[in-house]
Amino acid sequence: MISFSLRTLCLVILLVLPTMARGQEIDWKTTVGEAVHTLQRYLRFNTTNPPGDVTEAAGFLQTILEKEGITVTQYEAAPGKINLTSRLKGSGDAKPILLLHHMDVVPADASRWNGVNPFGGELKDGHIWGRGAIDMKGTGVLQLYAFLTLARQKISLDRDIIFMAVNDEEIGGTMGTRYMLDHHYAELDPEYVLDEGGFGSREIFVDGKLVFGISVAEKRALWLRVTARGTAGHGSQPHDQNPNDKLMRALDRLFSQPFPTIPNPALDALVSQLGPLAKNRFTNAIEGTTVSLTSLQSGVGDPPKANVIPSLATATLDARLLPGMDAEAFLQEVKTRLGGEIEVEVIHPASQSVVTPHDTPMFRSLSNAISRHHPDATVVPMIIPYGTDSRMFRLRGAKCYGILPLVLSTELATSIHGDAERIPVDQFETGIRIYYDTLVEMTAR
């Protein structure tokens, strides 16, 4: 009882009173104003990948950091492919914490954004709109201002905190995180990585219940190209060697029954705390194996002639496997269902996947910080259905947690890579403070 009380008192001192020890209080209103302005400007750099030139965006971040007297190092993996790190030095009693985000974004079709410029950083209806607002420049700005607040408060740290912005995440990370791991890992060597992945919601996990999911693992992408071959001919004379018919029959067999899956500890922990999950496309994606038909290609000519039967028809499939699932066994199941006439080519093999434990000081600190600002929240570990750079750090032994510490509606959560991507401004202070409180609890001496 005595040790618990002392620990509680220490936490109060660390989290509530650190500024008083320095004779100044944190002006969160001004900090949030800076963060909002920074994100608006950050979104105006068109870092669409491809080509993914982040030179100007990296320079923008560097200027902000150096204005605070913080040293910045840039690493150019290739022309325009810049990675950037900045570090708050600690005593070295523990390994660093890495705040990770990517500067590149996926393409945006401006004609589909209802009059909003996807690279305008427009403040409208209480949101900042733009490609990358959530994925992932918004997360990076929340991390940045937690990082800057720690620097401004001159809090003594027991470990380094590294802010890192990378390129190329949206096309696999070769020139970004992969480059940094291959060439500069010794300069990083983090114990913990905070990245994208999880978020809070009152409807996605369990309807009407506030749940924050912190990602501890991600599904493994296995991409396939399937091909049917046949005999070309005149469209007026149907025959049984039409490759389109073969392919459609094969795909019908493939999707006619559920795909095999396996139990997963992270998913079990999620369900044990929440009970049955709400039924939607996100929860469906994290509960088992999924396969999406992502393209169909056939025909002769451009545009394809309506009266010509082609000799070739292809499709691509995006399969997502739970961690620990046997990819070879799954591939064999796919081939069996498609049948012997269909050729199957692996165009992206399933990478190894590591699950980060959730019984760690970092997970508890994140949970404490979230609960402090959202007392009604349930915090759970989760699997995410998409890929992040964390997978590469996990393979190096780092403990990685993905969290955008905001409460997102289904509409906002699904705006990622969509035509209305935006982030709510009224949660900026809470988001920055959740990161800040976590870092103080984990690092303040």
Protein backbone atom coordinates (compact mmCIF):
# COMPACT_ATOMS: atom_id res chain seq x y z
CA MET A 1 0.00 0.00 0.00
CA ILE A 2 2.82 2.40 0.84
CA SER A 3 4.70 1.69 -2.41
CA PHE A 4 1.51 2.21 -4.43
CA SER A 5 0.89 5.56 -2.77
CA LEU A 6 4.43 6.71 -3.40
CA ARG A 7 4.22 5.70 -7.03
CA THR A 8 0.91 7.49 -7.40
CA LEU A 9 2.42 10.63 -5.86
CA CYS A 10 5.38 10.44 -8.24
CA LEU A 11 3.04 10.16 -11.22
CA VAL A 12 1.10 13.20 -10.07
CA ILE A 13 4.33 15.17 -9.77
CA LEU A 14 5.54 14.01 -13.19
CA LEU A 15 2.32 14.48 -15.11
CA VAL A 16 0.58 17.36 -13.38
CA LEU A 17 3.36 19.53 -11.97
CA PRO A 18 6.43 19.29 -14.25
CA THR A 19 5.98 22.83 -15.48
CA MET A 20 5.76 24.26 -11.96
CA ALA A 21 9.17 22.84 -11.22
CA ARG A 22 10.46 25.01 -14.07
CA GLY A 23 8.43 28.05 -13.04
CA GLN A 24 6.24 28.04 -16.16
CA GLU A 25 3.02 26.45 -17.26
CA ILE A 26 2.37 24.98 -20.66
CA ASP A 27 0.25 27.27 -22.81
CA TRP A 28 -1.73 24.55 -24.54
CA LYS A 29 -3.92 27.02 -26.43
CA THR A 30 -0.88 28.56 -28.12
CA THR A 31 0.64 25.12 -28.72
CA VAL A 32 -2.54 23.92 -30.42
CA GLY A 33 -2.66 27.05 -32.56
CA GLU A 34 0.90 26.39 -33.70
CA ALA A 35 0.08 22.76 -34.45
CA VAL A 36 -2.99 23.63 -36.51
CA HIS A 37 -1.05 26.18 -38.54
CA THR A 38 1.83 23.74 -39.01
CA LEU A 39 -0.43 20.96 -40.29
CA GLN A 40 -2.15 23.30 -42.73
CA ARG A 41 1.22 24.29 -44.18
CA TYR A 42 2.54 20.71 -44.10
CA LEU A 43 -0.42 19.45 -46.16
CA ARG A 44 0.33 22.00 -48.87
CA PHE A 45 3.51 20.17 -49.83
CA ASN A 46 2.44 17.71 -52.50
CA THR A 47 4.35 14.60 -51.47
CA THR A 48 2.31 12.20 -53.58
CA ASN A 49 4.07 8.88 -54.04
CA PRO A 50 4.98 8.19 -56.78
CA PRO A 51 7.16 10.15 -57.26
CA GLY A 52 7.29 10.87 -53.51
CA ASP A 53 9.64 13.85 -53.50
CA VAL A 54 9.64 15.07 -49.88
CA THR A 55 12.54 17.52 -50.12
CA GLU A 56 10.48 20.63 -49.36
CA ALA A 57 8.40 18.93 -46.66
CA ALA A 58 11.53 17.70 -44.89
CA GLY A 59 13.03 21.18 -45.09
CA PHE A 60 9.85 22.60 -43.58
CA LEU A 61 10.07 20.26 -40.57
CA GLN A 62 13.78 20.96 -40.21
CA THR A 63 13.15 24.72 -40.03
CA ILE A 64 10.59 24.27 -37.23
CA LEU A 65 12.91 22.07 -35.19
CA GLU A 66 16.03 24.18 -35.68
CA LYS A 67 14.11 27.31 -34.69
CA GLU A 68 13.74 25.60 -31.29
CA GLY A 69 17.48 24.96 -31.13
CA ILE A 70 17.11 21.25 -31.83
CA THR A 71 19.64 19.61 -34.14
CA VAL A 72 18.29 17.90 -37.24
CA THR A 73 19.98 15.28 -39.45
CA GLN A 74 18.82 14.54 -42.98
CA TYR A 75 19.55 11.28 -44.79
CA GLU A 76 19.11 11.29 -48.57
CA ALA A 77 18.45 7.76 -49.78
CA ALA A 78 18.03 9.01 -53.37
CA PRO A 79 17.21 12.35 -55.02
CA GLY A 80 14.07 13.66 -53.35
CA LYS A 81 13.94 10.68 -50.97
CA ILE A 82 14.78 12.38 -47.69
CA ASN A 83 14.58 10.95 -44.17
CA LEU A 84 14.93 13.18 -41.14
CA THR A 85 15.72 12.66 -37.47
CA SER A 86 15.91 14.94 -34.46
CA ARG A 87 16.79 13.91 -30.93
CA LEU A 88 16.18 15.03 -27.36
CA LYS A 89 19.09 13.65 -25.37
CA GLY A 90 18.55 11.65 -22.21
CA SER A 91 20.85 10.07 -19.68
CA GLY A 92 21.06 6.81 -21.60
CA ASP A 93 19.70 4.77 -18.71
CA ALA A 94 17.30 3.16 -21.19
CA LYS A 95 17.09 2.73 -24.96
CA PRO A 96 15.38 5.45 -27.03
CA ILE A 97 11.73 6.00 -27.84
CA LEU A 98 11.15 6.71 -31.54
CA LEU A 99 8.27 8.89 -32.76
CA LEU A 100 7.77 7.76 -36.35
CA HIS A 101 5.69 9.16 -39.19
CA HIS A 102 5.91 9.26 -42.97
CA MET A 103 5.84 12.36 -45.14
CA ASP A 104 4.67 10.78 -48.40
CA VAL A 105 1.00 10.36 -49.29
CA VAL A 106 -1.09 8.43 -51.81
CA PRO A 107 -2.45 10.19 -54.91
CA ALA A 108 -5.62 12.30 -54.73
CA ASP A 109 -8.11 12.99 -57.53
CA ALA A 110 -8.93 16.67 -56.95
CA SER A 111 -12.08 16.43 -59.10
CA ARG A 112 -13.66 14.16 -56.47
CA TRP A 113 -12.99 16.33 -53.40
CA ASN A 114 -16.18 18.43 -53.64
CA GLY A 115 -14.42 21.73 -54.20
CA VAL A 116 -11.72 21.21 -51.54
CA ASN A 117 -8.11 21.26 -52.70
CA PRO A 118 -6.55 18.01 -51.42
CA PHE A 119 -3.27 19.91 -51.08
CA GLY A 120 -4.74 23.12 -49.69
CA GLY A 121 -4.71 22.41 -45.95
CA GLU A 122 -8.12 24.08 -45.73
CA LEU A 123 -9.77 24.62 -42.33
CA LYS A 124 -13.46 23.93 -42.89
CA ASP A 125 -16.31 22.70 -40.67
CA GLY A 126 -13.95 22.22 -37.72
CA HIS A 127 -11.58 19.97 -39.68
CA ILE A 128 -8.33 20.37 -41.58
CA TRP A 129 -8.83 18.81 -45.00
CA GLY A 130 -6.15 17.32 -47.19
CA ARG A 131 -4.37 14.24 -48.41
CA GLY A 132 -2.33 13.03 -45.47
CA ALA A 133 -4.42 14.79 -42.80
CA ILE A 134 -4.76 11.46 -40.99
CA ASP A 135 -2.35 9.28 -42.99
CA MET A 136 0.03 10.47 -41.72
CA LYS A 137 1.00 14.12 -41.53
CA GLY A 138 -1.61 14.82 -38.85
CA THR A 139 -0.17 12.15 -36.59
CA GLY A 140 3.32 13.50 -37.27
CA VAL A 141 2.30 17.01 -36.20
CA LEU A 142 0.75 15.76 -32.94
CA GLN A 143 4.00 13.88 -32.24
CA LEU A 144 6.05 16.94 -33.22
CA TYR A 145 4.32 19.24 -30.73
CA ALA A 146 4.56 16.71 -27.91
CA PHE A 147 8.28 16.50 -28.76
CA LEU A 148 8.66 20.31 -28.88
CA THR A 149 6.78 20.73 -25.60
CA LEU A 150 9.18 18.35 -23.89
CA ALA A 151 12.08 20.36 -25.28
CA ARG A 152 10.59 23.67 -24.18
CA GLN A 153 9.97 22.37 -20.65
CA LYS A 154 13.59 21.20 -20.43
CA ILE A 155 12.51 18.03 -18.66
CA SER A 156 15.39 15.77 -17.64
CA LEU A 157 15.06 12.47 -19.52
CA ASP A 158 16.35 9.02 -18.69
CA ARG A 159 16.48 8.05 -22.39
CA ASP A 160 16.65 9.73 -25.79
CA ILE A 161 13.48 10.62 -27.63
CA ILE A 162 13.87 10.60 -31.41
CA PHE A 163 11.50 12.31 -33.83
CA MET A 164 11.78 10.68 -37.26
CA ALA A 165 10.03 11.53 -40.53
CA VAL A 166 10.54 9.16 -43.45
CA ASN A 167 9.61 8.93 -47.11
CA ASP A 168 8.35 6.05 -49.24
CA GLU A 169 6.04 4.34 -46.72
CA GLU A 170 3.16 4.35 -49.20
CA ILE A 171 5.10 2.20 -51.68
CA GLY A 172 6.78 -0.17 -49.25
CA GLY A 173 9.37 1.94 -47.44
CA THR A 174 12.44 0.96 -49.48
CA MET A 175 13.93 4.45 -49.50
CA GLY A 176 12.47 5.33 -46.12
CA THR A 177 12.36 3.07 -43.09
CA ARG A 178 14.06 0.18 -44.89
CA TYR A 179 16.94 2.48 -45.87
CA MET A 180 17.27 3.77 -42.30
CA LEU A 181 17.27 0.25 -40.85
CA ASP A 182 19.83 -1.00 -43.36
CA HIS A 183 22.22 1.95 -43.08
CA HIS A 184 21.60 3.81 -39.82
CA TYR A 185 19.99 1.43 -37.35
CA ALA A 186 22.78 1.82 -34.80
CA GLU A 187 21.91 5.52 -34.56
CA LEU A 188 18.31 4.65 -33.71
CA ASP A 189 18.14 1.29 -31.89
CA PRO A 190 14.86 2.11 -30.13
CA GLU A 191 13.21 0.09 -27.41
CA TYR A 192 9.82 1.51 -28.39
CA VAL A 193 8.36 2.94 -31.58
CA LEU A 194 5.16 5.00 -31.68
CA ASP A 195 3.66 4.86 -35.17
CA GLU A 196 0.30 4.90 -36.94
CA GLY A 197 -2.37 2.20 -36.79
CA GLY A 198 -4.78 2.45 -33.87
CA PHE A 199 -7.31 5.13 -32.92
CA GLY A 200 -10.34 5.77 -30.74
CA SER A 201 -13.97 5.33 -31.76
CA ARG A 202 -17.45 5.17 -30.24
CA GLU A 203 -18.89 3.09 -33.06
CA ILE A 204 -16.33 1.04 -34.95
CA PHE A 205 -15.36 -1.46 -32.24
CA VAL A 206 -18.54 -1.56 -30.13
CA ASP A 207 -21.47 0.69 -30.91
CA GLY A 208 -21.90 3.40 -28.26
CA LYS A 209 -18.77 2.49 -26.29
CA LEU A 210 -15.58 4.53 -26.44
CA VAL A 211 -12.72 2.19 -27.32
CA PHE A 212 -9.12 3.09 -28.10
CA GLY A 213 -7.34 0.37 -30.02
CA ILE A 214 -3.55 0.44 -29.88
CA SER A 215 -2.11 -1.63 -32.70
CA VAL A 216 0.39 -4.30 -31.70
CA ALA A 217 0.49 -6.23 -34.96
CA GLU A 218 -0.68 -6.06 -38.54
CA LYS A 219 -1.99 -8.51 -41.06
CA ARG A 220 0.36 -9.79 -43.73
CA ALA A 221 -0.26 -8.78 -47.33
CA LEU A 222 -0.08 -11.55 -49.94
CA TRP A 223 -0.77 -10.25 -53.46
CA LEU A 224 -1.52 -12.62 -56.31
CA ARG A 225 -2.04 -12.39 -60.06
CA VAL A 226 -4.28 -15.10 -61.47
CA THR A 227 -4.49 -15.82 -65.20
CA ALA A 228 -6.84 -17.79 -67.40
CA ARG A 229 -5.81 -18.71 -70.94
CA GLY A 230 -8.13 -19.65 -73.76
CA THR A 231 -8.81 -19.35 -77.46
CA ALA A 232 -9.52 -16.06 -79.18
CA GLY A 233 -12.41 -15.77 -81.57
CA HIS A 234 -15.41 -13.84 -82.84
CA GLY A 235 -17.84 -12.69 -80.18
CA SER A 236 -20.75 -13.98 -82.28
CA GLN A 237 -19.60 -17.57 -81.77
CA PRO A 238 -19.39 -18.50 -78.05
CA HIS A 239 -17.23 -21.47 -77.11
CA ASP A 240 -16.05 -23.24 -73.97
CA GLN A 241 -12.46 -21.94 -74.19
CA ASN A 242 -13.32 -18.31 -73.45
CA PRO A 243 -10.76 -17.25 -70.79
CA ASN A 244 -13.21 -14.76 -69.29
CA ASP A 245 -15.66 -17.57 -68.55
CA LYS A 246 -12.89 -19.68 -67.06
CA LEU A 247 -11.70 -16.87 -64.83
CA MET A 248 -15.18 -15.93 -63.60
CA ARG A 249 -16.01 -19.54 -62.74
CA ALA A 250 -12.71 -19.89 -60.90
CA LEU A 251 -13.25 -16.69 -58.89
CA ASP A 252 -16.75 -17.85 -58.01
CA ARG A 253 -15.27 -21.05 -56.56
CA LEU A 254 -12.65 -19.02 -54.67
CA PHE A 255 -15.16 -16.78 -52.92
CA SER A 256 -17.90 -19.38 -52.42
CA GLN A 257 -16.87 -20.17 -48.83
CA PRO A 258 -15.01 -18.45 -45.97
CA PHE A 259 -11.24 -18.43 -46.07
CA PRO A 260 -9.24 -20.41 -43.49
CA THR A 261 -8.01 -18.48 -40.47
CA ILE A 262 -6.30 -19.09 -37.14
CA PRO A 263 -6.69 -17.91 -33.53
CA ASN A 264 -4.65 -14.87 -32.58
CA PRO A 265 -3.71 -13.74 -29.04
CA ALA A 266 -4.06 -10.01 -29.77
CA LEU A 267 -7.49 -10.55 -31.29
CA ASP A 268 -8.46 -12.80 -28.37
CA ALA A 269 -7.44 -10.07 -25.91
CA LEU A 270 -9.52 -7.52 -27.82
CA VAL A 271 -12.65 -9.66 -27.84
CA SER A 272 -12.21 -10.79 -24.22
CA GLN A 273 -12.28 -7.16 -23.07
CA LEU A 274 -15.01 -5.89 -25.39
CA GLY A 275 -17.19 -8.89 -26.12
CA PRO A 276 -18.63 -9.33 -29.63
CA LEU A 277 -17.42 -6.63 -31.98
CA ALA A 278 -19.67 -4.41 -34.06
CA LYS A 279 -20.25 -5.65 -37.59
CA ASN A 280 -18.54 -3.45 -40.15
CA ARG A 281 -15.83 -3.72 -42.76
CA PHE A 282 -13.06 -2.75 -40.32
CA THR A 283 -13.89 -5.37 -37.68
CA ASN A 284 -14.46 -7.94 -40.41
CA ALA A 285 -10.97 -7.19 -41.68
CA ILE A 286 -9.26 -7.69 -38.32
CA GLU A 287 -11.13 -10.84 -37.27
CA GLY A 288 -9.93 -13.19 -39.98
CA THR A 289 -8.39 -13.81 -43.37
CA THR A 290 -9.66 -11.60 -46.16
CA VAL A 291 -9.24 -11.61 -49.93
CA SER A 292 -10.23 -8.70 -52.18
CA LEU A 293 -10.55 -8.85 -55.93
CA THR A 294 -8.71 -5.63 -56.86
CA SER A 295 -8.50 -5.72 -60.67
CA LEU A 296 -9.80 -7.52 -63.74
CA GLN A 297 -8.14 -7.17 -67.13
CA SER A 298 -9.18 -8.66 -70.44
CA GLY A 299 -10.17 -7.80 -73.99
CA VAL A 300 -8.48 -6.97 -77.28
CA GLY A 301 -7.82 -3.39 -78.34
CA ASP A 302 -8.04 -0.06 -76.52
CA PRO A 303 -10.85 0.32 -75.78
CA PRO A 304 -11.50 -3.44 -75.88
CA LYS A 305 -13.50 -4.60 -78.88
CA ALA A 306 -16.95 -5.82 -77.88
CA ASN A 307 -17.02 -8.46 -80.66
CA VAL A 308 -13.69 -10.15 -79.92
CA ILE A 309 -13.19 -13.03 -77.48
CA PRO A 310 -9.65 -12.63 -76.04
CA SER A 311 -7.15 -15.37 -75.39
CA LEU A 312 -6.13 -14.06 -71.94
CA ALA A 313 -7.89 -12.82 -68.80
CA THR A 314 -6.18 -11.79 -65.54
CA ALA A 315 -7.15 -10.63 -62.08
CA THR A 316 -5.26 -9.45 -59.01
CA LEU A 317 -6.08 -10.51 -55.47
CA ASP A 318 -5.13 -8.77 -52.22
CA ALA A 319 -5.08 -11.38 -49.45
CA ARG A 320 -4.46 -10.34 -45.83
CA LEU A 321 -3.36 -13.05 -43.42
CA LEU A 322 -3.34 -12.96 -39.63
CA PRO A 323 0.09 -13.11 -37.96
CA GLY A 324 1.27 -16.69 -37.62
CA MET A 325 -0.82 -18.06 -40.46
CA ASP A 326 0.96 -20.46 -42.84
CA ALA A 327 1.19 -18.50 -46.09
CA GLU A 328 2.16 -21.55 -48.16
CA ALA A 329 -0.83 -23.53 -46.91
CA PHE A 330 -3.12 -20.62 -47.69
CA LEU A 331 -1.65 -20.26 -51.18
CA GLN A 332 -2.25 -23.96 -51.81
CA GLU A 333 -5.87 -23.55 -50.71
CA VAL A 334 -6.30 -20.69 -53.19
CA LYS A 335 -4.81 -22.76 -56.02
CA THR A 336 -7.06 -25.72 -55.19
CA ARG A 337 -10.19 -23.57 -55.26
CA LEU A 338 -9.24 -21.83 -58.50
CA GLY A 339 -8.54 -25.11 -60.24
CA GLY A 340 -5.75 -26.47 -62.40
CA GLU A 341 -6.52 -24.35 -65.47
CA ILE A 342 -5.77 -21.10 -63.63
CA GLU A 343 -2.20 -19.85 -63.29
CA VAL A 344 -1.32 -18.26 -59.94
CA GLU A 345 1.63 -15.88 -59.56
CA VAL A 346 2.77 -14.36 -56.27
CA ILE A 347 3.49 -10.69 -56.95
CA HIS A 348 4.04 -9.74 -53.29
CA PRO A 349 4.94 -12.50 -50.82
CA ALA A 350 3.61 -12.42 -47.27
CA SER A 351 6.31 -11.02 -45.01
CA GLN A 352 7.06 -12.30 -41.55
CA SER A 353 4.88 -10.68 -38.88
CA VAL A 354 5.74 -10.11 -35.23
CA VAL A 355 3.21 -9.32 -32.50
CA THR A 356 4.35 -6.75 -29.93
CA PRO A 357 3.41 -7.72 -26.34
CA HIS A 358 0.91 -5.42 -24.63
CA ASP A 359 2.07 -6.07 -21.05
CA THR A 360 4.81 -3.43 -21.26
CA PRO A 361 5.45 -0.09 -19.53
CA MET A 362 4.83 1.75 -22.82
CA PHE A 363 1.42 0.17 -23.38
CA ARG A 364 0.46 0.96 -19.79
CA SER A 365 1.68 4.55 -20.16
CA LEU A 366 -0.33 5.02 -23.33
CA SER A 367 -3.35 3.51 -21.63
CA ASN A 368 -2.89 5.77 -18.58
CA ALA A 369 -2.61 8.88 -20.74
CA ILE A 370 -5.68 7.99 -22.79
CA SER A 371 -7.72 7.22 -19.69
CA ARG A 372 -6.63 10.49 -18.08
CA HIS A 373 -8.15 12.46 -20.96
CA HIS A 374 -10.99 10.02 -21.72
CA PRO A 375 -12.08 8.52 -18.38
CA ASP A 376 -14.84 6.49 -20.06
CA ALA A 377 -12.50 4.83 -22.55
CA THR A 378 -11.55 1.17 -22.73
CA VAL A 379 -8.02 0.71 -24.10
CA VAL A 380 -7.26 -2.53 -25.90
CA PRO A 381 -4.51 -4.05 -28.05
CA MET A 382 -5.53 -4.64 -31.64
CA ILE A 383 -4.44 -5.99 -35.00
CA ILE A 384 -4.70 -3.65 -37.97
CA PRO A 385 -5.58 -4.86 -41.48
CA TYR A 386 -3.18 -2.55 -43.32
CA GLY A 387 0.60 -2.32 -43.36
CA THR A 388 2.86 0.22 -41.61
CA ASP A 389 6.58 0.76 -41.19
CA SER A 390 6.33 -0.80 -37.72
CA ARG A 391 6.55 -4.26 -39.24
CA MET A 392 10.23 -3.63 -40.11
CA PHE A 393 11.10 -2.32 -36.65
CA ARG A 394 9.35 -5.28 -35.01
CA LEU A 395 11.58 -7.66 -36.94
CA ARG A 396 14.57 -5.85 -35.38
CA GLY A 397 13.21 -6.42 -31.89
CA ALA A 398 11.65 -3.01 -31.21
CA LYS A 399 8.29 -2.88 -29.43
CA CYS A 400 5.96 -0.95 -31.72
CA TYR A 401 2.60 0.60 -30.95
CA GLY A 402 0.38 2.37 -33.42
CA ILE A 403 -1.96 5.07 -32.19
CA LEU A 404 -3.55 8.26 -33.50
CA PRO A 405 -4.85 9.49 -30.11
CA LEU A 406 -8.10 10.93 -31.43
CA VAL A 407 -11.72 9.75 -31.41
CA LEU A 408 -12.75 9.09 -35.00
CA SER A 409 -16.17 8.49 -36.45
CA THR A 410 -16.55 5.73 -39.03
CA GLU A 411 -16.67 8.42 -41.71
CA LEU A 412 -13.37 9.93 -40.59
CA ALA A 413 -11.63 6.60 -40.10
CA THR A 414 -12.59 5.51 -43.62
CA SER A 415 -11.55 8.83 -45.17
CA ILE A 416 -7.95 7.60 -45.21
CA HIS A 417 -6.92 7.22 -48.88
CA GLY A 418 -10.40 8.54 -49.76
CA ASP A 419 -11.81 11.73 -51.29
CA ALA A 420 -12.62 13.55 -48.04
CA GLU A 421 -9.62 12.96 -45.77
CA ARG A 422 -9.70 15.32 -42.80
CA ILE A 423 -8.82 15.56 -39.13
CA PRO A 424 -10.85 17.21 -36.32
CA VAL A 425 -9.22 20.34 -34.90
CA ASP A 426 -11.11 20.27 -31.58
CA GLN A 427 -9.15 17.16 -30.53
CA PHE A 428 -5.68 18.51 -31.25
CA GLU A 429 -4.96 19.47 -27.66
CA THR A 430 -6.03 16.09 -26.32
CA GLY A 431 -4.02 14.29 -28.99
CA ILE A 432 -0.83 16.24 -28.25
CA ARG A 433 -1.29 15.83 -24.51
CA ILE A 434 -1.78 12.08 -24.72
CA TYR A 435 1.55 11.79 -26.51
CA TYR A 436 3.16 14.27 -24.11
CA ASP A 437 1.85 12.56 -20.94
CA THR A 438 2.99 9.19 -22.25
CA LEU A 439 6.49 10.45 -22.96
CA VAL A 440 6.75 12.17 -19.56
CA GLU A 441 5.68 9.02 -17.73
CA MET A 442 8.13 6.92 -19.75
CA THR A 443 11.16 9.23 -19.67
CA ALA A 444 11.09 11.93 -16.98
CA ARG A 445 13.73 11.39 -14.33
